[in-house]
Amino acid sequence: RNKDEKLWIMEKRLAVAKKHLEAQNKKIFYDEIFRTLYEFLSDKLSIPVSDLSKESIINHLQKKEFAKEKILELISTLDKCEFARYAPASESGEMKSVYENAIAIITTIEEEVR
């Protein structure tokens, strides 16, 4: 798949996540954000999804000299998604910030990581 097609798929997945955000479908929302970030990172870092871990993500982004605070933000967003999938309902404000962070992370990595 070419770059435009991959970005289009990410945008569609984020649009699906946004619908779940608006409907307050917390579990589905967090699953969608988590999967979207993992698939994006798998593609961008050329690591099969099955081999992705927080450690491998951190290592690859550090090798590409990606800003440390942005890596921490990414890991924090992934952690929130994982936690929220198994925890009691979280605040909808938290969902909105996770959604906005996911978009910001994808945009920044797309621009800065080659």
C-alpha atoms as a PDB file:
ATOM      1  CA  ARG A   1       0.000   0.000   0.000  1.00  0.00           C
ATOM      2  CA  ASN A   2       1.213   3.472  -0.747  1.00  0.00           C
ATOM      3  CA  LYS A   3       1.557   6.300   1.751  1.00  0.00           C
ATOM      4  CA  ASP A   4      -1.689   8.051   0.767  1.00  0.00           C
ATOM      5  CA  GLU A   5      -3.672   4.840   1.085  1.00  0.00           C
ATOM      6  CA  LYS A   6      -2.157   4.142   4.517  1.00  0.00           C
ATOM      7  CA  LEU A   7      -2.992   7.639   5.735  1.00  0.00           C
ATOM      8  CA  TRP A   8      -6.506   7.270   4.378  1.00  0.00           C
ATOM      9  CA  ILE A   9      -6.924   4.035   6.352  1.00  0.00           C
ATOM     10  CA  MET A  10      -5.654   5.752   9.541  1.00  0.00           C
ATOM     11  CA  GLU A  11      -8.096   8.629   9.001  1.00  0.00           C
ATOM     12  CA  LYS A  12     -10.971   6.171   8.534  1.00  0.00           C
ATOM     13  CA  ARG A  13     -10.005   4.296  11.700  1.00  0.00           C
ATOM     14  CA  LEU A  14      -9.794   7.557  13.646  1.00  0.00           C
ATOM     15  CA  ALA A  15     -13.212   8.540  12.292  1.00  0.00           C
ATOM     16  CA  VAL A  16     -14.595   5.226  13.593  1.00  0.00           C
ATOM     17  CA  ALA A  17     -12.972   5.920  16.971  1.00  0.00           C
ATOM     18  CA  LYS A  18     -14.516   9.396  17.000  1.00  0.00           C
ATOM     19  CA  LYS A  19     -17.996   7.923  16.450  1.00  0.00           C
ATOM     20  CA  HIS A  20     -17.441   5.646  19.462  1.00  0.00           C
ATOM     21  CA  LEU A  21     -16.163   8.612  21.457  1.00  0.00           C
ATOM     22  CA  GLU A  22     -19.323  10.582  20.665  1.00  0.00           C
ATOM     23  CA  ALA A  23     -21.520   7.579  21.508  1.00  0.00           C
ATOM     24  CA  GLN A  24     -19.528   6.976  24.727  1.00  0.00           C
ATOM     25  CA  ASN A  25     -18.714   3.380  23.693  1.00  0.00           C
ATOM     26  CA  LYS A  26     -15.623   3.404  25.874  1.00  0.00           C
ATOM     27  CA  LYS A  27     -14.318  -0.136  25.372  1.00  0.00           C
ATOM     28  CA  ILE A  28     -14.722  -0.044  21.576  1.00  0.00           C
ATOM     29  CA  PHE A  29     -13.257   3.474  21.450  1.00  0.00           C
ATOM     30  CA  TYR A  30     -10.105   2.515  23.362  1.00  0.00           C
ATOM     31  CA  ASP A  31      -9.721  -0.721  21.377  1.00  0.00           C
ATOM     32  CA  GLU A  32      -9.926   1.245  18.132  1.00  0.00           C
ATOM     33  CA  ILE A  33      -7.399   3.904  19.221  1.00  0.00           C
ATOM     34  CA  PHE A  34      -4.992   1.236  20.482  1.00  0.00           C
ATOM     35  CA  ARG A  35      -5.252  -0.827  17.283  1.00  0.00           C
ATOM     36  CA  THR A  36      -4.930   2.263  15.099  1.00  0.00           C
ATOM     37  CA  LEU A  37      -1.756   3.384  16.891  1.00  0.00           C
ATOM     38  CA  TYR A  38      -0.270  -0.126  16.799  1.00  0.00           C
ATOM     39  CA  GLU A  39      -0.973  -0.576  13.084  1.00  0.00           C
ATOM     40  CA  PHE A  40       0.404   2.876  12.324  1.00  0.00           C
ATOM     41  CA  LEU A  41       3.563   2.219  14.337  1.00  0.00           C
ATOM     42  CA  SER A  42       3.977  -1.225  12.790  1.00  0.00           C
ATOM     43  CA  ASP A  43       3.871   0.303   9.332  1.00  0.00           C
ATOM     44  CA  LYS A  44       5.947   3.390  10.110  1.00  0.00           C
ATOM     45  CA  LEU A  45       8.674   1.518  12.000  1.00  0.00           C
ATOM     46  CA  SER A  46       8.606  -1.569   9.742  1.00  0.00           C
ATOM     47  CA  ILE A  47       7.928  -3.928  12.650  1.00  0.00           C
ATOM     48  CA  PRO A  48       5.279  -6.655  12.344  1.00  0.00           C
ATOM     49  CA  VAL A  49       2.367  -5.985  14.737  1.00  0.00           C
ATOM     50  CA  SER A  50       3.090  -9.352  16.372  1.00  0.00           C
ATOM     51  CA  ASP A  51       6.590  -8.110  17.285  1.00  0.00           C
ATOM     52  CA  LEU A  52       5.499  -4.699  18.553  1.00  0.00           C
ATOM     53  CA  SER A  53       5.939  -3.991  22.226  1.00  0.00           C
ATOM     54  CA  LYS A  54       6.357  -0.776  24.140  1.00  0.00           C
ATOM     55  CA  GLU A  55      10.072  -1.560  24.407  1.00  0.00           C
ATOM     56  CA  SER A  56      10.474  -2.101  20.660  1.00  0.00           C
ATOM     57  CA  ILE A  57       8.506   1.080  19.927  1.00  0.00           C
ATOM     58  CA  ILE A  58      10.669   3.108  22.320  1.00  0.00           C
ATOM     59  CA  ASN A  59      13.902   1.609  20.927  1.00  0.00           C
ATOM     60  CA  HIS A  60      12.971   2.249  17.303  1.00  0.00           C
ATOM     61  CA  LEU A  61      11.803   5.816  17.934  1.00  0.00           C
ATOM     62  CA  GLN A  62      14.951   6.583  19.945  1.00  0.00           C
ATOM     63  CA  LYS A  63      17.102   5.270  17.080  1.00  0.00           C
ATOM     64  CA  LYS A  64      15.265   7.669  14.799  1.00  0.00           C
ATOM     65  CA  GLU A  65      15.987  10.480  17.293  1.00  0.00           C
ATOM     66  CA  PHE A  66      12.309  11.101  17.972  1.00  0.00           C
ATOM     67  CA  ALA A  67      11.773  13.528  20.872  1.00  0.00           C
ATOM     68  CA  LYS A  68      11.797  11.790  24.264  1.00  0.00           C
ATOM     69  CA  GLU A  69       8.739  13.682  25.546  1.00  0.00           C
ATOM     70  CA  LYS A  70       6.791  12.619  22.448  1.00  0.00           C
ATOM     71  CA  ILE A  71       7.764   8.980  23.045  1.00  0.00           C
ATOM     72  CA  LEU A  72       6.553   9.277  26.648  1.00  0.00           C
ATOM     73  CA  GLU A  73       3.289  10.822  25.426  1.00  0.00           C
ATOM     74  CA  LEU A  74       2.794   7.947  22.996  1.00  0.00           C
ATOM     75  CA  ILE A  75       3.463   5.295  25.659  1.00  0.00           C
ATOM     76  CA  SER A  76       1.162   7.112  28.080  1.00  0.00           C
ATOM     77  CA  THR A  77      -1.622   7.116  25.462  1.00  0.00           C
ATOM     78  CA  LEU A  78      -1.136   3.386  24.801  1.00  0.00           C
ATOM     79  CA  ASP A  79      -1.182   2.730  28.563  1.00  0.00           C
ATOM     80  CA  LYS A  80      -4.421   4.697  28.981  1.00  0.00           C
ATOM     81  CA  CYS A  81      -6.011   2.669  26.173  1.00  0.00           C
ATOM     82  CA  GLU A  82      -4.893  -0.633  27.688  1.00  0.00           C
ATOM     83  CA  PHE A  83      -5.999   0.361  31.179  1.00  0.00           C
ATOM     84  CA  ALA A  84      -9.373   1.699  30.037  1.00  0.00           C
ATOM     85  CA  ARG A  85     -10.158  -1.481  28.113  1.00  0.00           C
ATOM     86  CA  TYR A  86     -10.154  -3.468  31.371  1.00  0.00           C
ATOM     87  CA  ALA A  87     -11.032  -0.860  33.978  1.00  0.00           C
ATOM     88  CA  PRO A  88     -14.397   0.552  34.968  1.00  0.00           C
ATOM     89  CA  ALA A  89     -15.684   3.458  32.896  1.00  0.00           C
ATOM     90  CA  SER A  90     -13.340   6.416  32.632  1.00  0.00           C
ATOM     91  CA  GLU A  91     -14.269  10.036  32.144  1.00  0.00           C
ATOM     92  CA  SER A  92     -15.380  11.139  28.690  1.00  0.00           C
ATOM     93  CA  GLY A  93     -12.933  14.067  28.965  1.00  0.00           C
ATOM     94  CA  GLU A  94     -10.161  11.490  29.173  1.00  0.00           C
ATOM     95  CA  MET A  95     -11.479   9.832  26.011  1.00  0.00           C
ATOM     96  CA  LYS A  96     -11.376  13.145  24.171  1.00  0.00           C
ATOM     97  CA  SER A  97      -7.793  13.813  25.266  1.00  0.00           C
ATOM     98  CA  VAL A  98      -6.735  10.277  24.243  1.00  0.00           C
ATOM     99  CA  TYR A  99      -8.333  10.834  20.831  1.00  0.00           C
ATOM    100  CA  GLU A 100      -6.592  14.200  20.386  1.00  0.00           C
ATOM    101  CA  ASN A 101      -3.258  12.738  21.571  1.00  0.00           C
ATOM    102  CA  ALA A 102      -3.553   9.876  19.079  1.00  0.00           C
ATOM    103  CA  ILE A 103      -4.061  12.302  16.209  1.00  0.00           C
ATOM    104  CA  ALA A 104      -1.172  14.500  17.388  1.00  0.00           C
ATOM    105  CA  ILE A 105       1.146  11.490  17.774  1.00  0.00           C
ATOM    106  CA  ILE A 106       0.336  10.096  14.329  1.00  0.00           C
ATOM    107  CA  THR A 107       0.768  13.532  12.733  1.00  0.00           C
ATOM    108  CA  THR A 108       4.094  14.184  14.460  1.00  0.00           C
ATOM    109  CA  ILE A 109       5.539  10.751  13.709  1.00  0.00           C
ATOM    110  CA  GLU A 110       4.379  11.001  10.102  1.00  0.00           C
ATOM    111  CA  GLU A 111       6.174  14.347   9.741  1.00  0.00           C
ATOM    112  CA  GLU A 112       9.347  13.582  11.677  1.00  0.00           C
ATOM    113  CA  VAL A 113      10.136   9.859  11.378  1.00  0.00           C
ATOM    114  CA  ARG A 114      11.640   8.753   8.087  1.00  0.00           C
END
